[in-house]
Amino acid sequence: MTKITQYLEAAKGKTLFSIEIIPPMKGQHLGELVSHIEPLMEFNPPFIEVTYHREEYVEKLVDGALKRIPIRKRPGTLGICAAIMQKFKTEAVPHIICGGFTKEETEDFLIDLHYLGIENALVLRGDQEKGEDHFIPKPGGHAYANELVAQVHAMNQGILLHEETESLPTNFCVGVAAYPEKHFEAASLDEDLRYLKQKVDAGADYIVTQMFFNNQHYFDFVAKCRAMDIHVPIIPGLKPIATVRQLEILPEIFHLEMPEALAKEVRACTTNAAIKQVGVEWAVQQGRELMQAGVPALHFYTMSKSDSVHAIASQLF
């Protein structure tokens, strides 16, 4: 098996365990990231997602002129995926984003993945460039994730951008993101669901949700998806709270609800260790309810730290 959907089908209703990791900052070593992945391998994740971070820009004087110089603070998604597959013998799922790529650059990246035997990808529009108030695609790039999904789907049929004859087809399994509490740019959840259906109709094979802390949001979201004829697997995304600051920063960044019961427990803690324990217990409670409902997998946003996720998985898997 190589495709995420194959692993989900083979599980025959058993909930799988999966994680997302973040590439190290530029200049750091892969070894520390590997040390955080290793403890989680006992739970047999069939796949590990690796985020991709678009370029940022700094202004510098070059030959007497002020120029915008592109930098990437977290490079290495492709190399990390190859290293994960070689070391851990599990599927690596790179994020592929619209922002910062032309269609031709996207095609080249996908061809590189294909050469390496990486056959899964999570396709995203991505965030706007730092300093911009809305997303602006690179000239010659995709503006929306459904367009990027369609490009990957075309390559699976052997259709490249500028080739006059059909090429050998790729074999990508395509995941897309979804937002149980709606994407912050959407006018309503129904509008957001229409955009999600466009991605599925363009060729997406499965969905991974943004983190949430109230399971009812996920259950309601899945019901709405099924009512709109979206029938691909929908994997819930979870993240354990680890600091009191996350009570404010996570809703601000990800536009999600923080349950008052959870916030109250966290604010009552007097140490960071106690906050982490509250986060673990809340996520365990979430996970148990989701597993009882038969979700295909529990997908943990680790932020490349394993301790809390290991504590949760030890109780669930």
Protein backbone atom coordinates (compact mmCIF):
# COMPACT_ATOMS: atom_id res chain seq x y z
CA MET A 1 0.00 0.00 0.00
CA THR A 2 1.17 3.51 -0.75
CA LYS A 3 -1.95 5.68 -0.75
CA ILE A 4 -3.50 7.16 2.39
CA THR A 5 -6.94 6.02 1.26
CA GLN A 6 -5.62 2.45 0.97
CA TYR A 7 -4.48 2.53 4.59
CA LEU A 8 -7.86 3.89 5.67
CA GLU A 9 -9.70 1.16 3.76
CA ALA A 10 -7.43 -1.60 5.08
CA ALA A 11 -8.07 -0.48 8.67
CA LYS A 12 -11.68 -1.70 8.26
CA GLY A 13 -13.15 0.82 10.65
CA LYS A 14 -10.27 0.91 13.13
CA THR A 15 -9.10 4.44 13.89
CA LEU A 16 -5.51 5.10 12.77
CA PHE A 17 -2.95 7.45 14.31
CA SER A 18 -1.16 10.11 12.26
CA ILE A 19 0.85 13.26 12.85
CA GLU A 20 1.90 16.52 11.24
CA ILE A 21 5.42 17.87 11.72
CA ILE A 22 7.07 21.19 10.93
CA PRO A 23 10.49 21.41 9.22
CA PRO A 24 13.28 22.77 11.42
CA MET A 25 14.25 26.41 11.14
CA LYS A 26 16.96 27.20 8.61
CA GLY A 27 20.34 26.25 10.04
CA GLN A 28 19.00 23.65 12.46
CA HIS A 29 19.65 19.93 12.13
CA LEU A 30 17.18 17.23 11.14
CA GLY A 31 18.32 15.08 14.07
CA GLU A 32 16.24 16.94 16.65
CA LEU A 33 13.10 16.53 14.55
CA VAL A 34 13.81 12.81 14.15
CA SER A 35 14.20 12.49 17.93
CA HIS A 36 10.66 13.83 18.36
CA ILE A 37 9.21 11.50 15.71
CA GLU A 38 10.85 8.33 17.04
CA PRO A 39 8.79 8.00 20.26
CA LEU A 40 5.57 8.26 18.26
CA MET A 41 6.45 5.43 15.89
CA GLU A 42 5.29 2.86 18.46
CA PHE A 43 1.72 3.86 17.51
CA ASN A 44 2.36 2.89 13.87
CA PRO A 45 1.35 6.04 12.00
CA PRO A 46 0.72 5.05 8.38
CA PHE A 47 1.56 8.59 7.32
CA ILE A 48 3.34 11.71 8.54
CA GLU A 49 2.48 15.10 7.08
CA VAL A 50 5.28 17.62 6.54
CA THR A 51 4.30 21.28 6.30
CA TYR A 52 5.62 23.63 3.63
CA HIS A 53 6.38 27.26 4.44
CA ARG A 54 6.36 29.85 1.70
CA GLU A 55 9.06 32.44 1.25
CA GLU A 56 9.21 35.65 3.21
CA TYR A 57 10.99 38.81 2.10
CA VAL A 58 13.51 41.17 3.62
CA GLU A 59 14.54 44.50 2.16
CA LYS A 60 18.26 45.04 1.68
CA LEU A 61 20.51 47.50 -0.07
CA VAL A 62 22.08 45.78 -3.07
CA ASP A 63 24.42 47.85 -5.27
CA GLY A 64 22.94 51.00 -3.83
CA ALA A 65 19.33 50.00 -4.48
CA LEU A 66 16.74 48.71 -2.03
CA LYS A 67 15.65 45.26 -3.13
CA ARG A 68 13.25 42.63 -1.79
CA ILE A 69 15.23 39.46 -1.10
CA PRO A 70 13.26 36.20 -0.72
CA ILE A 71 14.14 33.98 2.25
CA ARG A 72 12.69 30.72 3.53
CA LYS A 73 12.95 30.20 7.27
CA ARG A 74 11.84 26.56 7.20
CA PRO A 75 13.27 24.89 4.08
CA GLY A 76 13.60 21.20 3.38
CA THR A 77 10.09 19.75 3.05
CA LEU A 78 11.07 17.52 0.13
CA GLY A 79 14.26 16.26 1.78
CA ILE A 80 12.51 15.64 5.10
CA CYS A 81 9.84 13.59 3.34
CA ALA A 82 12.50 11.45 1.69
CA ALA A 83 14.33 11.00 5.02
CA ILE A 84 11.12 10.01 6.84
CA MET A 85 10.26 7.38 4.26
CA GLN A 86 13.76 5.94 4.33
CA LYS A 87 14.23 5.92 8.11
CA PHE A 88 10.75 5.09 9.37
CA LYS A 89 9.29 3.14 6.43
CA THR A 90 6.08 5.13 6.60
CA GLU A 91 4.37 7.36 4.06
CA ALA A 92 5.38 11.00 4.00
CA VAL A 93 2.75 13.53 2.93
CA PRO A 94 4.21 16.87 1.88
CA HIS A 95 2.04 19.97 1.90
CA ILE A 96 1.83 21.56 -1.53
CA ILE A 97 0.69 25.17 -1.58
CA CYS A 98 -0.42 27.66 -4.20
CA GLY A 99 1.36 30.64 -2.66
CA GLY A 100 4.79 31.36 -4.10
CA PHE A 101 4.58 28.82 -6.94
CA THR A 102 3.88 29.12 -10.64
CA LYS A 103 2.05 26.21 -12.26
CA GLU A 104 5.33 25.16 -13.87
CA GLU A 105 7.15 25.18 -10.53
CA THR A 106 4.34 23.12 -9.04
CA GLU A 107 4.66 20.61 -11.84
CA ASP A 108 8.43 20.34 -11.27
CA PHE A 109 7.88 19.79 -7.54
CA LEU A 110 5.33 17.07 -8.21
CA ILE A 111 7.67 15.39 -10.67
CA ASP A 112 10.40 15.39 -8.01
CA LEU A 113 7.96 13.78 -5.54
CA HIS A 114 7.06 11.17 -8.14
CA TYR A 115 10.73 10.34 -8.75
CA LEU A 116 11.21 9.80 -5.01
CA GLY A 117 8.23 7.47 -4.76
CA ILE A 118 6.19 9.95 -2.72
CA GLU A 119 2.61 9.36 -3.83
CA ASN A 120 0.60 11.38 -1.32
CA ALA A 121 0.18 15.12 -0.98
CA LEU A 122 -1.93 17.53 1.03
CA VAL A 123 -2.96 20.33 -1.32
CA LEU A 124 -3.58 23.78 0.15
CA ARG A 125 -3.98 27.32 -1.03
CA GLY A 126 -1.72 28.45 1.79
CA ASP A 127 -1.51 31.71 3.68
CA GLN A 128 -1.02 35.14 2.23
CA GLU A 129 2.48 36.54 2.10
CA LYS A 130 3.59 38.09 5.36
CA GLY A 131 2.57 41.74 5.37
CA GLU A 132 -0.30 41.29 2.90
CA ASP A 133 -3.91 41.54 4.03
CA HIS A 134 -5.17 38.94 1.56
CA PHE A 135 -3.84 36.10 -0.56
CA ILE A 136 -2.25 37.10 -3.87
CA PRO A 137 -1.05 34.26 -6.13
CA LYS A 138 2.32 34.39 -7.80
CA PRO A 139 1.97 35.46 -11.45
CA GLY A 140 1.32 32.26 -13.36
CA GLY A 141 0.28 30.44 -10.19
CA HIS A 142 -2.95 29.10 -8.77
CA ALA A 143 -5.31 31.32 -6.81
CA TYR A 144 -7.35 28.51 -5.26
CA ALA A 145 -6.70 25.02 -3.91
CA ASN A 146 -9.24 23.40 -6.26
CA GLU A 147 -7.14 24.60 -9.21
CA LEU A 148 -4.07 22.97 -7.69
CA VAL A 149 -6.01 19.75 -7.04
CA ALA A 150 -7.07 19.77 -10.70
CA GLN A 151 -3.43 20.08 -11.80
CA VAL A 152 -2.42 17.08 -9.70
CA HIS A 153 -5.39 15.11 -11.01
CA ALA A 154 -4.39 15.94 -14.59
CA MET A 155 -0.87 14.65 -13.93
CA ASN A 156 -2.40 11.43 -12.63
CA GLN A 157 -3.93 11.12 -16.09
CA GLY A 158 -0.58 11.76 -17.78
CA ILE A 159 -1.39 15.35 -18.76
CA LEU A 160 1.38 17.91 -18.24
CA LEU A 161 1.15 21.65 -18.75
CA HIS A 162 3.04 22.10 -21.98
CA GLU A 163 3.52 18.60 -23.36
CA GLU A 164 1.78 17.93 -26.66
CA THR A 165 1.62 14.19 -26.01
CA GLU A 166 0.55 12.34 -22.90
CA SER A 167 3.26 11.57 -20.35
CA LEU A 168 3.46 8.61 -18.00
CA PRO A 169 0.80 9.23 -15.35
CA THR A 170 1.63 9.95 -11.75
CA ASN A 171 -0.24 8.20 -8.93
CA PHE A 172 -0.88 10.84 -6.29
CA CYS A 173 -3.43 10.45 -3.53
CA VAL A 174 -4.64 13.95 -2.78
CA GLY A 175 -5.74 15.27 0.57
CA VAL A 176 -7.26 18.69 1.17
CA ALA A 177 -7.94 20.81 4.23
CA ALA A 178 -11.31 21.68 5.75
CA TYR A 179 -12.53 23.92 8.52
CA PRO A 180 -15.27 22.61 10.83
CA GLU A 181 -15.79 26.15 12.13
CA LYS A 182 -15.41 27.57 8.57
CA HIS A 183 -12.46 29.26 6.94
CA PHE A 184 -12.15 32.81 8.22
CA GLU A 185 -12.43 34.26 4.72
CA ALA A 186 -15.71 32.48 3.94
CA ALA A 187 -18.94 34.42 4.45
CA SER A 188 -20.63 31.37 5.94
CA LEU A 189 -20.03 27.67 6.61
CA ASP A 190 -22.32 26.80 3.70
CA GLU A 191 -20.18 28.90 1.36
CA ASP A 192 -17.05 27.25 2.73
CA LEU A 193 -18.59 23.82 2.13
CA ARG A 194 -19.28 24.74 -1.49
CA TYR A 195 -15.58 25.52 -1.91
CA LEU A 196 -14.71 22.22 -0.25
CA LYS A 197 -16.95 20.35 -2.67
CA GLN A 198 -15.14 22.04 -5.56
CA LYS A 199 -11.89 20.55 -4.24
CA VAL A 200 -13.42 17.10 -3.91
CA ASP A 201 -15.00 17.31 -7.36
CA ALA A 202 -11.60 18.35 -8.76
CA GLY A 203 -10.09 15.08 -7.53
CA ALA A 204 -9.42 15.20 -3.78
CA ASP A 205 -9.39 11.73 -2.19
CA TYR A 206 -9.68 12.61 1.49
CA ILE A 207 -10.01 15.56 3.88
CA VAL A 208 -8.08 16.56 7.00
CA THR A 209 -9.70 19.12 9.27
CA GLN A 210 -8.19 22.04 11.07
CA MET A 211 -7.82 21.54 14.82
CA PHE A 212 -10.90 21.94 16.97
CA PHE A 213 -11.55 21.59 20.69
CA ASN A 214 -15.29 20.89 20.63
CA ASN A 215 -16.14 17.58 18.95
CA GLN A 216 -19.65 18.73 18.12
CA HIS A 217 -18.16 21.07 15.52
CA TYR A 218 -16.64 18.04 13.77
CA PHE A 219 -19.80 15.91 13.98
CA ASP A 220 -21.98 18.72 12.63
CA PHE A 221 -19.44 19.43 9.90
CA VAL A 222 -19.33 15.81 8.72
CA ALA A 223 -23.13 15.68 8.63
CA LYS A 224 -23.23 18.83 6.48
CA CYS A 225 -20.56 17.40 4.15
CA ARG A 226 -22.52 14.18 3.62
CA ALA A 227 -25.68 16.19 2.95
CA MET A 228 -23.76 18.05 0.23
CA ASP A 229 -22.68 14.76 -1.39
CA ILE A 230 -19.11 14.92 -0.05
CA HIS A 231 -18.37 11.29 0.77
CA VAL A 232 -14.57 11.04 0.96
CA PRO A 233 -13.00 10.21 4.37
CA ILE A 234 -12.85 13.17 6.78
CA ILE A 235 -9.97 12.92 9.26
CA PRO A 236 -10.25 15.08 12.40
CA GLY A 237 -7.24 17.18 13.41
CA LEU A 238 -6.36 17.59 17.09
CA LYS A 239 -3.84 19.60 19.05
CA PRO A 240 -3.25 19.44 22.81
CA ILE A 241 -3.08 22.75 24.66
CA ALA A 242 0.38 23.23 26.19
CA THR A 243 0.55 26.86 27.37
CA VAL A 244 -1.84 29.45 28.74
CA ARG A 245 -0.97 31.77 25.84
CA GLN A 246 -2.50 29.27 23.39
CA LEU A 247 -5.93 30.11 24.80
CA GLU A 248 -5.62 33.40 22.94
CA ILE A 249 -3.17 32.75 20.13
CA LEU A 250 -4.86 29.64 18.67
CA PRO A 251 -8.29 31.30 18.25
CA GLU A 252 -6.56 34.37 16.84
CA ILE A 253 -4.47 32.47 14.28
CA PHE A 254 -6.86 29.65 13.38
CA HIS A 255 -10.22 31.37 13.98
CA LEU A 256 -11.62 28.65 16.20
CA GLU A 257 -13.66 28.43 19.39
CA MET A 258 -11.89 27.69 22.65
CA PRO A 259 -14.39 26.00 25.00
CA GLU A 260 -14.84 27.92 28.23
CA ALA A 261 -14.55 24.71 30.27
CA LEU A 262 -11.09 24.07 28.82
CA ALA A 263 -10.02 27.69 29.25
CA LYS A 264 -11.16 27.65 32.87
CA GLU A 265 -9.15 24.51 33.64
CA VAL A 266 -6.03 25.93 32.00
CA ARG A 267 -6.27 29.27 33.82
CA ALA A 268 -6.61 27.45 37.14
CA CYS A 269 -3.20 25.82 36.63
CA THR A 270 -0.17 27.24 38.42
CA THR A 271 2.57 25.47 36.41
CA ASN A 272 3.27 24.72 32.76
CA ALA A 273 3.35 21.01 33.61
CA ALA A 274 -0.19 21.25 34.98
CA ILE A 275 -1.36 23.05 31.81
CA LYS A 276 0.15 20.31 29.65
CA GLN A 277 -1.66 17.69 31.71
CA VAL A 278 -4.97 19.48 31.23
CA GLY A 279 -4.27 19.60 27.49
CA VAL A 280 -3.52 15.88 27.42
CA GLU A 281 -6.65 14.97 29.36
CA TRP A 282 -8.87 17.15 27.15
CA ALA A 283 -7.42 15.63 23.97
CA VAL A 284 -7.82 12.10 25.36
CA GLN A 285 -11.47 12.84 26.05
CA GLN A 286 -11.88 14.21 22.53
CA GLY A 287 -10.07 11.25 21.02
CA ARG A 288 -12.14 8.64 22.83
CA GLU A 289 -15.41 10.18 21.70
CA LEU A 290 -14.17 10.50 18.12
CA MET A 291 -12.92 6.91 18.06
CA GLN A 292 -16.24 5.66 19.40
CA ALA A 293 -17.85 7.48 16.48
CA GLY A 294 -15.60 5.56 14.08
CA VAL A 295 -13.43 8.34 12.67
CA PRO A 296 -10.88 7.08 10.12
CA ALA A 297 -7.86 8.50 11.97
CA LEU A 298 -6.85 10.92 14.69
CA HIS A 299 -4.44 13.39 13.17
CA PHE A 300 -2.28 15.28 15.67
CA TYR A 301 -0.69 18.66 15.04
CA THR A 302 2.53 18.07 16.97
CA MET A 303 4.35 21.33 16.22
CA SER A 304 7.31 18.89 16.09
CA LYS A 305 7.06 18.12 19.82
CA SER A 306 6.19 14.59 20.88
CA ASP A 307 5.70 14.54 24.66
CA SER A 308 2.03 15.52 24.93
CA VAL A 309 1.00 13.58 21.81
CA HIS A 310 2.80 10.50 23.11
CA ALA A 311 0.95 10.78 26.42
CA ILE A 312 -2.38 11.03 24.57
CA ALA A 313 -1.68 8.20 22.15
CA SER A 314 -0.54 5.94 25.00
CA GLN A 315 -4.08 6.10 26.36
CA LEU A 316 -5.90 5.78 23.02
CA PHE A 317 -3.94 3.35 20.84
